[in-house]
């Protein structure tokens, strides 16, 4: 893939990756996090007109597949989304400092051919299994778009007006959990290469990708178990185990 610079008139599919500060597990799944992430994605999509095709959030980074018309559109989308999610992550975790890595987000163009676009989607969907955070794609409890793609259904998100909430708190009001929440449904856009396909066909193709991911993950686990962990260097295996325990704790 090449870095995002020039855009053809019809736009491009881009993969966006953002790391957390010092690779800290600031995105460990929490009950509110998924709905907040979806809410900000939906609101950013509505404000900028930038369609979201897929997303996957792991404890120390996230990936998006988006359809970009120009660099300014992507910059506005990411500025709003990253700023909003950072505030919410600080509120949920009590971290109180930088949430994202200093280098900012990285965006790369995915080639227009179907093979390249499907491969990027397969990679994105498979992150939880590849990181050994879940045995099945749908088992991952962090924010992800797998179920929505399998069902072609909108995701339910929430956007909170923290300014109104803060004003009510200053008045000493008792505030129910979702008093200042606005529903923000997110409907994902198809990959450009699948845009002409019928929804049933797209769902079947996503199902095939998920089945392949889970079969490969199960095979990798079986090989590691049979070899007693010798399939990968011991130091790497130990580091990955420690990392997972930190994330899941």
Foldseek 3Di string as FASTA:
>chain_A
DAFDDDADQQFFKKKKKWWWAVLAQLQQDDPQLQQALQQLLLVLCVVLVKFWAWKDDGRTMIMTIITDRHPVSVVSSQVSNVVSSQVVSCVVPVPPDGTTYPVGMTMDTQDPDPVRVVVVVLVRLLVCLVLVVDLASVVDNGHICLVCQLVQDWDKHKDFDVVVVVVCVVVVDDDPPCPRIDIRIHGHQHRPVCNPPDSVVSNVSSVVSRVVSSVVSVVVVVVCVVVVNPVDDPVVVVVSVVVSVSSND
